[in-house]
C-alpha atoms as a PDB file:
ATOM      1  CA  MET A   1       0.000   0.000   0.000  1.00  0.00           C
ATOM      2  CA  SER A   2       1.389   3.403  -0.950  1.00  0.00           C
ATOM      3  CA  GLU A   3       2.055   6.171   1.529  1.00  0.00           C
ATOM      4  CA  GLU A   4      -0.764   8.225   0.024  1.00  0.00           C
ATOM      5  CA  THR A   5      -3.315   5.531   0.805  1.00  0.00           C
ATOM      6  CA  THR A   6      -2.055   4.491   4.244  1.00  0.00           C
ATOM      7  CA  LEU A   7      -4.483   5.359   7.005  1.00  0.00           C
ATOM      8  CA  GLN A   8      -3.124   7.679   9.692  1.00  0.00           C
ATOM      9  CA  GLN A   9      -3.917   6.042  13.015  1.00  0.00           C
ATOM     10  CA  SER A  10      -3.673   9.370  14.830  1.00  0.00           C
ATOM     11  CA  ARG A  11      -6.440  10.818  12.638  1.00  0.00           C
ATOM     12  CA  LEU A  12      -8.988   8.050  12.848  1.00  0.00           C
ATOM     13  CA  PRO A  13     -12.498   9.234  13.730  1.00  0.00           C
ATOM     14  CA  GLN A  14     -13.965   8.199  17.069  1.00  0.00           C
ATOM     15  CA  HIS A  15     -17.440   7.707  15.653  1.00  0.00           C
ATOM     16  CA  VAL A  16     -18.628   6.554  12.233  1.00  0.00           C
ATOM     17  CA  ALA A  17     -22.357   6.504  11.493  1.00  0.00           C
ATOM     18  CA  ILE A  18     -23.674   4.672   8.439  1.00  0.00           C
ATOM     19  CA  ILE A  19     -26.890   4.912   6.431  1.00  0.00           C
ATOM     20  CA  MET A  20     -27.030   1.387   5.048  1.00  0.00           C
ATOM     21  CA  ASP A  21     -28.737   1.928   1.700  1.00  0.00           C
ATOM     22  CA  GLY A  22     -29.202  -0.253  -1.365  1.00  0.00           C
ATOM     23  CA  ASN A  23     -30.568  -3.618  -0.203  1.00  0.00           C
ATOM     24  CA  GLY A  24     -33.630  -3.400  -2.440  1.00  0.00           C
ATOM     25  CA  ARG A  25     -31.729  -2.327  -5.545  1.00  0.00           C
ATOM     26  CA  TRP A  26     -29.126  -5.032  -4.928  1.00  0.00           C
ATOM     27  CA  ALA A  27     -31.877  -7.656  -4.865  1.00  0.00           C
ATOM     28  CA  ALA A  28     -33.706  -6.208  -7.866  1.00  0.00           C
ATOM     29  CA  ALA A  29     -30.533  -6.326  -9.955  1.00  0.00           C
ATOM     30  CA  ARG A  30     -30.465 -10.084  -9.280  1.00  0.00           C
ATOM     31  CA  HIS A  31     -34.199 -10.530  -9.880  1.00  0.00           C
ATOM     32  CA  LYS A  32     -34.700 -11.438  -6.243  1.00  0.00           C
ATOM     33  CA  PRO A  33     -37.283 -10.181  -3.700  1.00  0.00           C
ATOM     34  CA  ARG A  34     -36.356  -7.265  -1.444  1.00  0.00           C
ATOM     35  CA  GLN A  35     -36.165  -9.576   1.561  1.00  0.00           C
ATOM     36  CA  PHE A  36     -33.239 -11.360  -0.098  1.00  0.00           C
ATOM     37  CA  GLY A  37     -31.393  -8.046  -0.238  1.00  0.00           C
ATOM     38  CA  HIS A  38     -32.117  -7.415   3.440  1.00  0.00           C
ATOM     39  CA  HIS A  39     -30.732 -10.850   4.350  1.00  0.00           C
ATOM     40  CA  GLN A  40     -27.519 -10.064   2.485  1.00  0.00           C
ATOM     41  CA  GLY A  41     -27.488  -6.664   4.166  1.00  0.00           C
ATOM     42  CA  VAL A  42     -27.241  -8.395   7.545  1.00  0.00           C
ATOM     43  CA  GLU A  43     -24.118 -10.182   6.319  1.00  0.00           C
ATOM     44  CA  ALA A  44     -22.706  -6.772   5.405  1.00  0.00           C
ATOM     45  CA  VAL A  45     -23.511  -5.591   8.952  1.00  0.00           C
ATOM     46  CA  ARG A  46     -21.414  -8.432  10.335  1.00  0.00           C
ATOM     47  CA  ARG A  47     -18.507  -7.517   8.018  1.00  0.00           C
ATOM     48  CA  CYS A  48     -18.854  -3.858   8.953  1.00  0.00           C
ATOM     49  CA  VAL A  49     -18.773  -4.501  12.698  1.00  0.00           C
ATOM     50  CA  GLU A  50     -15.712  -6.699  12.274  1.00  0.00           C
ATOM     51  CA  ALA A  51     -14.026  -4.066  10.084  1.00  0.00           C
ATOM     52  CA  ALA A  52     -14.711  -1.325  12.642  1.00  0.00           C
ATOM     53  CA  GLY A  53     -12.999  -3.435  15.287  1.00  0.00           C
ATOM     54  CA  ASN A  54     -10.073  -4.191  12.983  1.00  0.00           C
ATOM     55  CA  LEU A  55      -9.610  -0.522  12.109  1.00  0.00           C
ATOM     56  CA  GLY A  56      -9.762   0.774  15.671  1.00  0.00           C
ATOM     57  CA  ILE A  57     -13.074   2.647  15.439  1.00  0.00           C
ATOM     58  CA  ARG A  58     -14.550   3.170  18.916  1.00  0.00           C
ATOM     59  CA  HIS A  59     -18.157   4.040  18.062  1.00  0.00           C
ATOM     60  CA  LEU A  60     -20.212   2.699  15.150  1.00  0.00           C
ATOM     61  CA  THR A  61     -23.840   3.631  14.549  1.00  0.00           C
ATOM     62  CA  LEU A  62     -25.898   1.774  11.937  1.00  0.00           C
ATOM     63  CA  TYR A  63     -29.248   3.041  10.621  1.00  0.00           C
ATOM     64  CA  SER A  64     -31.322  -0.138  10.592  1.00  0.00           C
ATOM     65  CA  PHE A  65     -35.038   0.802  10.621  1.00  0.00           C
ATOM     66  CA  SER A  66     -36.372   4.344  10.507  1.00  0.00           C
ATOM     67  CA  THR A  67     -39.644   5.759  11.786  1.00  0.00           C
ATOM     68  CA  GLU A  68     -40.530   6.341   8.115  1.00  0.00           C
ATOM     69  CA  ASN A  69     -40.023   2.667   7.293  1.00  0.00           C
ATOM     70  CA  TRP A  70     -43.438   1.936   8.835  1.00  0.00           C
ATOM     71  CA  ARG A  71     -44.828   3.116   5.465  1.00  0.00           C
ATOM     72  CA  ARG A  72     -43.392   0.032   3.766  1.00  0.00           C
ATOM     73  CA  PRO A  73     -45.511  -3.062   3.020  1.00  0.00           C
ATOM     74  CA  GLU A  74     -46.417  -5.048   6.132  1.00  0.00           C
ATOM     75  CA  GLU A  75     -44.659  -8.148   4.809  1.00  0.00           C
ATOM     76  CA  GLU A  76     -41.380  -6.260   4.412  1.00  0.00           C
ATOM     77  CA  ILE A  77     -41.675  -4.702   7.887  1.00  0.00           C
ATOM     78  CA  LYS A  78     -42.226  -8.152   9.390  1.00  0.00           C
ATOM     79  CA  ALA A  79     -39.166  -9.451   7.530  1.00  0.00           C
ATOM     80  CA  LEU A  80     -37.008  -6.562   8.804  1.00  0.00           C
ATOM     81  CA  PHE A  81     -38.123  -7.176  12.380  1.00  0.00           C
ATOM     82  CA  ASN A  82     -37.360 -10.875  12.054  1.00  0.00           C
ATOM     83  CA  LEU A  83     -33.903 -10.027  10.726  1.00  0.00           C
ATOM     84  CA  MET A  84     -33.316  -7.819  13.760  1.00  0.00           C
ATOM     85  CA  ARG A  85     -34.330 -10.685  16.036  1.00  0.00           C
ATOM     86  CA  GLY A  86     -32.158 -13.124  14.125  1.00  0.00           C
ATOM     87  CA  PHE A  87     -29.111 -10.868  14.200  1.00  0.00           C
ATOM     88  CA  VAL A  88     -29.358 -10.320  17.951  1.00  0.00           C
ATOM     89  CA  GLU A  89     -30.091 -13.949  18.817  1.00  0.00           C
ATOM     90  CA  LYS A  90     -27.359 -15.350  16.573  1.00  0.00           C
ATOM     91  CA  ASP A  91     -24.658 -12.777  17.218  1.00  0.00           C
ATOM     92  CA  VAL A  92     -25.045 -11.736  20.854  1.00  0.00           C
ATOM     93  CA  LYS A  93     -22.505 -14.255  22.171  1.00  0.00           C
ATOM     94  CA  GLN A  94     -19.903 -13.342  19.558  1.00  0.00           C
ATOM     95  CA  LEU A  95     -20.480  -9.631  20.109  1.00  0.00           C
ATOM     96  CA  ARG A  96     -20.129 -10.107  23.860  1.00  0.00           C
ATOM     97  CA  ASP A  97     -16.989 -12.207  23.533  1.00  0.00           C
ATOM     98  CA  ASN A  98     -15.423  -9.721  21.090  1.00  0.00           C
ATOM     99  CA  GLY A  99     -15.833  -6.767  23.455  1.00  0.00           C
ATOM    100  CA  VAL A 100     -18.717  -5.086  21.600  1.00  0.00           C
ATOM    101  CA  HIS A 101     -21.092  -2.953  23.658  1.00  0.00           C
ATOM    102  CA  VAL A 102     -24.513  -2.878  21.953  1.00  0.00           C
ATOM    103  CA  ARG A 103     -27.086  -0.126  22.340  1.00  0.00           C
ATOM    104  CA  ILE A 104     -30.378   0.151  20.454  1.00  0.00           C
ATOM    105  CA  LEU A 105     -31.353   3.733  19.616  1.00  0.00           C
ATOM    106  CA  GLY A 106     -34.897   4.833  18.845  1.00  0.00           C
ATOM    107  CA  ALA A 107     -38.415   4.800  20.239  1.00  0.00           C
ATOM    108  CA  ARG A 108     -39.688   1.643  21.896  1.00  0.00           C
ATOM    109  CA  GLU A 109     -43.276   2.402  20.893  1.00  0.00           C
ATOM    110  CA  LYS A 110     -44.767   0.020  18.317  1.00  0.00           C
ATOM    111  CA  LEU A 111     -42.229  -2.647  19.250  1.00  0.00           C
ATOM    112  CA  SER A 112     -43.602  -5.945  20.540  1.00  0.00           C
ATOM    113  CA  PRO A 113     -42.911  -6.908  24.177  1.00  0.00           C
ATOM    114  CA  ASP A 114     -40.726  -9.844  23.112  1.00  0.00           C
ATOM    115  CA  LEU A 115     -38.583  -7.619  20.912  1.00  0.00           C
ATOM    116  CA  ILE A 116     -38.193  -5.051  23.706  1.00  0.00           C
ATOM    117  CA  ALA A 117     -37.180  -7.855  26.091  1.00  0.00           C
ATOM    118  CA  MET A 118     -34.610  -9.087  23.582  1.00  0.00           C
ATOM    119  CA  ILE A 119     -33.211  -5.559  23.167  1.00  0.00           C
ATOM    120  CA  ASP A 120     -32.938  -5.179  26.951  1.00  0.00           C
ATOM    121  CA  ASP A 121     -31.175  -8.541  27.136  1.00  0.00           C
ATOM    122  CA  VAL A 122     -28.515  -7.829  24.497  1.00  0.00           C
ATOM    123  CA  GLU A 123     -27.836  -4.407  26.021  1.00  0.00           C
ATOM    124  CA  SER A 124     -27.463  -5.983  29.446  1.00  0.00           C
ATOM    125  CA  GLN A 125     -25.250  -8.841  28.246  1.00  0.00           C
ATOM    126  CA  THR A 126     -22.821  -6.468  26.515  1.00  0.00           C
ATOM    127  CA  SER A 127     -22.968  -3.538  28.941  1.00  0.00           C
ATOM    128  CA  HIS A 128     -19.506  -4.177  30.399  1.00  0.00           C
ATOM    129  CA  ASN A 129     -17.725  -4.218  27.017  1.00  0.00           C
ATOM    130  CA  HIS A 130     -15.577  -1.300  25.886  1.00  0.00           C
ATOM    131  CA  LYS A 131     -13.671  -2.292  22.730  1.00  0.00           C
ATOM    132  CA  LEU A 132     -16.358  -1.163  20.278  1.00  0.00           C
ATOM    133  CA  TYR A 133     -19.597   0.670  21.014  1.00  0.00           C
ATOM    134  CA  LEU A 134     -22.188  -0.484  18.475  1.00  0.00           C
ATOM    135  CA  ASN A 135     -25.339   1.601  18.237  1.00  0.00           C
ATOM    136  CA  ILE A 136     -28.164   0.195  16.142  1.00  0.00           C
ATOM    137  CA  ALA A 137     -30.752   2.830  15.209  1.00  0.00           C
ATOM    138  CA  PHE A 138     -33.976   0.812  15.112  1.00  0.00           C
ATOM    139  CA  ASN A 139     -37.392   2.500  14.943  1.00  0.00           C
ATOM    140  CA  TYR A 140     -35.323   5.667  14.930  1.00  0.00           C
ATOM    141  CA  GLY A 141     -35.910   9.074  13.373  1.00  0.00           C
ATOM    142  CA  GLY A 142     -33.963  12.258  14.027  1.00  0.00           C
ATOM    143  CA  ARG A 143     -37.072  14.426  14.284  1.00  0.00           C
ATOM    144  CA  ASP A 144     -38.786  11.899  16.553  1.00  0.00           C
ATOM    145  CA  GLU A 145     -35.682  11.836  18.774  1.00  0.00           C
ATOM    146  CA  LEU A 146     -35.719  15.634  19.056  1.00  0.00           C
ATOM    147  CA  ALA A 147     -39.461  15.651  19.816  1.00  0.00           C
ATOM    148  CA  ARG A 148     -38.968  13.027  22.556  1.00  0.00           C
ATOM    149  CA  THR A 149     -36.099  15.084  23.962  1.00  0.00           C
ATOM    150  CA  CYS A 150     -38.228  18.244  24.013  1.00  0.00           C
ATOM    151  CA  ARG A 151     -40.990  16.413  25.861  1.00  0.00           C
ATOM    152  CA  ALA A 152     -38.514  15.074  28.425  1.00  0.00           C
ATOM    153  CA  LEU A 153     -37.106  18.549  29.060  1.00  0.00           C
ATOM    154  CA  ALA A 154     -40.598  20.072  29.218  1.00  0.00           C
ATOM    155  CA  ARG A 155     -41.624  17.522  31.866  1.00  0.00           C
ATOM    156  CA  LYS A 156     -38.585  18.461  33.963  1.00  0.00           C
ATOM    157  CA  VAL A 157     -39.434  22.167  33.673  1.00  0.00           C
ATOM    158  CA  LYS A 158     -43.058  21.479  34.624  1.00  0.00           C
ATOM    159  CA  ALA A 159     -41.949  19.446  37.638  1.00  0.00           C
ATOM    160  CA  GLY A 160     -39.632  22.237  38.759  1.00  0.00           C
ATOM    161  CA  ASP A 161     -36.504  20.125  38.266  1.00  0.00           C
ATOM    162  CA  LEU A 162     -35.117  22.286  35.459  1.00  0.00           C
ATOM    163  CA  ASP A 163     -35.099  26.004  34.782  1.00  0.00           C
ATOM    164  CA  VAL A 164     -35.924  27.113  31.231  1.00  0.00           C
ATOM    165  CA  ASP A 165     -32.673  29.074  31.069  1.00  0.00           C
ATOM    166  CA  ASP A 166     -30.756  25.867  31.785  1.00  0.00           C
ATOM    167  CA  ILE A 167     -31.866  24.313  28.514  1.00  0.00           C
ATOM    168  CA  THR A 168     -28.643  24.462  26.515  1.00  0.00           C
ATOM    169  CA  GLU A 169     -27.018  22.562  23.678  1.00  0.00           C
ATOM    170  CA  ALA A 170     -25.288  20.416  26.294  1.00  0.00           C
ATOM    171  CA  SER A 171     -28.501  19.604  28.185  1.00  0.00           C
ATOM    172  CA  ILE A 172     -30.269  18.713  24.943  1.00  0.00           C
ATOM    173  CA  SER A 173     -27.413  16.393  23.958  1.00  0.00           C
ATOM    174  CA  LYS A 174     -27.647  14.649  27.344  1.00  0.00           C
ATOM    175  CA  HIS A 175     -31.290  13.769  26.672  1.00  0.00           C
ATOM    176  CA  LEU A 176     -30.783  12.359  23.189  1.00  0.00           C
ATOM    177  CA  ASP A 177     -30.623   8.630  22.434  1.00  0.00           C
ATOM    178  CA  THR A 178     -26.887   9.126  21.891  1.00  0.00           C
ATOM    179  CA  ALA A 179     -26.187  10.627  25.307  1.00  0.00           C
ATOM    180  CA  SER A 180     -22.578   9.854  26.300  1.00  0.00           C
ATOM    181  CA  VAL A 181     -21.682   9.066  22.667  1.00  0.00           C
ATOM    182  CA  PRO A 182     -19.464  11.574  20.808  1.00  0.00           C
ATOM    183  CA  ASP A 183     -20.983  13.171  17.728  1.00  0.00           C
ATOM    184  CA  PRO A 184     -20.039  11.287  14.549  1.00  0.00           C
ATOM    185  CA  GLU A 185     -17.146  12.698  12.569  1.00  0.00           C
ATOM    186  CA  ILE A 186     -18.418  10.745   9.559  1.00  0.00           C
ATOM    187  CA  ILE A 187     -21.913  10.182   8.209  1.00  0.00           C
ATOM    188  CA  LEU A 188     -21.397   7.525   5.534  1.00  0.00           C
ATOM    189  CA  ARG A 189     -24.098   6.588   3.050  1.00  0.00           C
ATOM    190  CA  THR A 190     -23.895   3.744   0.600  1.00  0.00           C
ATOM    191  CA  SER A 191     -25.665   3.363  -2.791  1.00  0.00           C
ATOM    192  CA  GLY A 192     -24.745   6.817  -4.109  1.00  0.00           C
ATOM    193  CA  GLU A 193     -27.792   8.642  -2.709  1.00  0.00           C
ATOM    194  CA  GLN A 194     -27.063  11.999  -1.071  1.00  0.00           C
ATOM    195  CA  ARG A 195     -29.613  12.441   1.702  1.00  0.00           C
ATOM    196  CA  LEU A 196     -29.530  12.344   5.505  1.00  0.00           C
ATOM    197  CA  SER A 197     -32.938  10.660   5.580  1.00  0.00           C
ATOM    198  CA  ASN A 198     -33.777  11.917   9.081  1.00  0.00           C
ATOM    199  CA  PHE A 199     -30.633  10.368  10.590  1.00  0.00           C
ATOM    200  CA  LEU A 200     -28.819  11.933  13.576  1.00  0.00           C
ATOM    201  CA  LEU A 201     -30.012  15.433  12.670  1.00  0.00           C
ATOM    202  CA  TRP A 202     -28.673  17.090  15.836  1.00  0.00           C
ATOM    203  CA  GLN A 203     -25.504  15.040  16.095  1.00  0.00           C
ATOM    204  CA  SER A 204     -24.407  15.508  12.468  1.00  0.00           C
ATOM    205  CA  ALA A 205     -24.008  19.302  12.643  1.00  0.00           C
ATOM    206  CA  TYR A 206     -20.273  19.067  11.846  1.00  0.00           C
ATOM    207  CA  SER A 207     -20.037  15.543  10.458  1.00  0.00           C
ATOM    208  CA  GLU A 208     -18.256  14.879   7.194  1.00  0.00           C
ATOM    209  CA  PHE A 209     -20.834  13.520   4.745  1.00  0.00           C
ATOM    210  CA  ILE A 210     -19.301  10.747   2.634  1.00  0.00           C
ATOM    211  CA  VAL A 211     -21.181   8.906  -0.113  1.00  0.00           C
ATOM    212  CA  LEU A 212     -19.907   5.672  -1.631  1.00  0.00           C
ATOM    213  CA  ASP A 213     -21.291   4.264  -4.863  1.00  0.00           C
ATOM    214  CA  VAL A 214     -21.654   0.738  -3.486  1.00  0.00           C
ATOM    215  CA  LEU A 215     -24.878  -1.022  -2.542  1.00  0.00           C
ATOM    216  CA  TRP A 216     -24.919  -2.021   1.100  1.00  0.00           C
ATOM    217  CA  PRO A 217     -24.853  -5.839   0.614  1.00  0.00           C
ATOM    218  CA  ASP A 218     -21.531  -5.427  -1.207  1.00  0.00           C
ATOM    219  CA  PHE A 219     -19.952  -3.336   1.570  1.00  0.00           C
ATOM    220  CA  THR A 220     -16.576  -4.639   2.813  1.00  0.00           C
ATOM    221  CA  GLN A 221     -13.646  -3.452   4.920  1.00  0.00           C
ATOM    222  CA  THR A 222     -12.090  -2.080   1.719  1.00  0.00           C
ATOM    223  CA  HIS A 223     -15.013   0.342   1.380  1.00  0.00           C
ATOM    224  CA  PHE A 224     -14.728   1.254   5.060  1.00  0.00           C
ATOM    225  CA  GLU A 225     -11.056   2.073   4.548  1.00  0.00           C
ATOM    226  CA  GLU A 226     -11.920   4.140   1.463  1.00  0.00           C
ATOM    227  CA  ALA A 227     -14.330   6.245   3.538  1.00  0.00           C
ATOM    228  CA  LEU A 228     -11.670   6.769   6.212  1.00  0.00           C
ATOM    229  CA  ARG A 229      -9.135   7.909   3.602  1.00  0.00           C
ATOM    230  CA  ILE A 230     -11.652  10.396   2.205  1.00  0.00           C
ATOM    231  CA  TYR A 231     -12.238  11.673   5.727  1.00  0.00           C
ATOM    232  CA  GLN A 232      -8.513  12.064   6.385  1.00  0.00           C
ATOM    233  CA  SER A 233      -8.089  14.023   3.148  1.00  0.00           C
ATOM    234  CA  ARG A 234     -10.506  16.728   4.320  1.00  0.00           C
ATOM    235  CA  GLU A 235      -9.847  19.797   6.469  1.00  0.00           C
ATOM    236  CA  ARG A 236     -12.129  19.954   9.493  1.00  0.00           C
ATOM    237  CA  ARG A 237     -12.386  23.578  10.647  1.00  0.00           C
ATOM    238  CA  GLN A 238     -15.859  23.345  12.254  1.00  0.00           C
ATOM    239  CA  GLY A 239     -16.605  27.009  11.736  1.00  0.00           C
ATOM    240  CA  GLY A 240     -13.047  28.202  12.348  1.00  0.00           C
ATOM    241  CA  ILE A 241     -10.251  28.986   9.942  1.00  0.00           C
ATOM    242  CA  GLU A 242      -7.103  27.156   8.920  1.00  0.00           C
ATOM    243  CA  PRO A 243      -4.288  27.433  11.500  1.00  0.00           C
END
């Protein structure tokens, strides 16, 4: 590998967040049903988690099921939920043994009691791990997260536990699903589309938006490394000026 393409370990991002896009198109190109693409997408999730660990990424957030995805056909929603169950049930031991701390972001409303119990279980089983923090955004929407945060803060003000003037950027961040997680330096989207799609709206204020022209089921560590090299080629001034 040439010097120009070698990753600089000192400039690795702490947090990479990924919009996993392209399962349906991947399946359609092979004349397969969308569910087949979602199944292959889960395999890409496994490769991605392994790659993050290999590359030294501390926080990885994957956009799995959005609040807008409820508009999809019922059969597809059921298949996505079953894939979530299957991933957790099959992988929890390996994730635990590999030092992965799993958190599920998003609203618990509309989720079945058995799925909520399974989420609580995987979070509990991996809560003492610190090698890689894996956040799975499931039944998640950025606007919904902000609305839930506003309601939580409003309840504290009403109860007299919080003064209105104490509502700051920091206090808002502490009430988000990603409380205690650093904001992502990278928002990566696969499939070539260039939209945030209601993902981490507050947290992405100064994220580098990187789009790769690869459908999610084809995603590998090579693509992950490509995104990191793009990130390291950019100047991050965050509103300031060059030194």
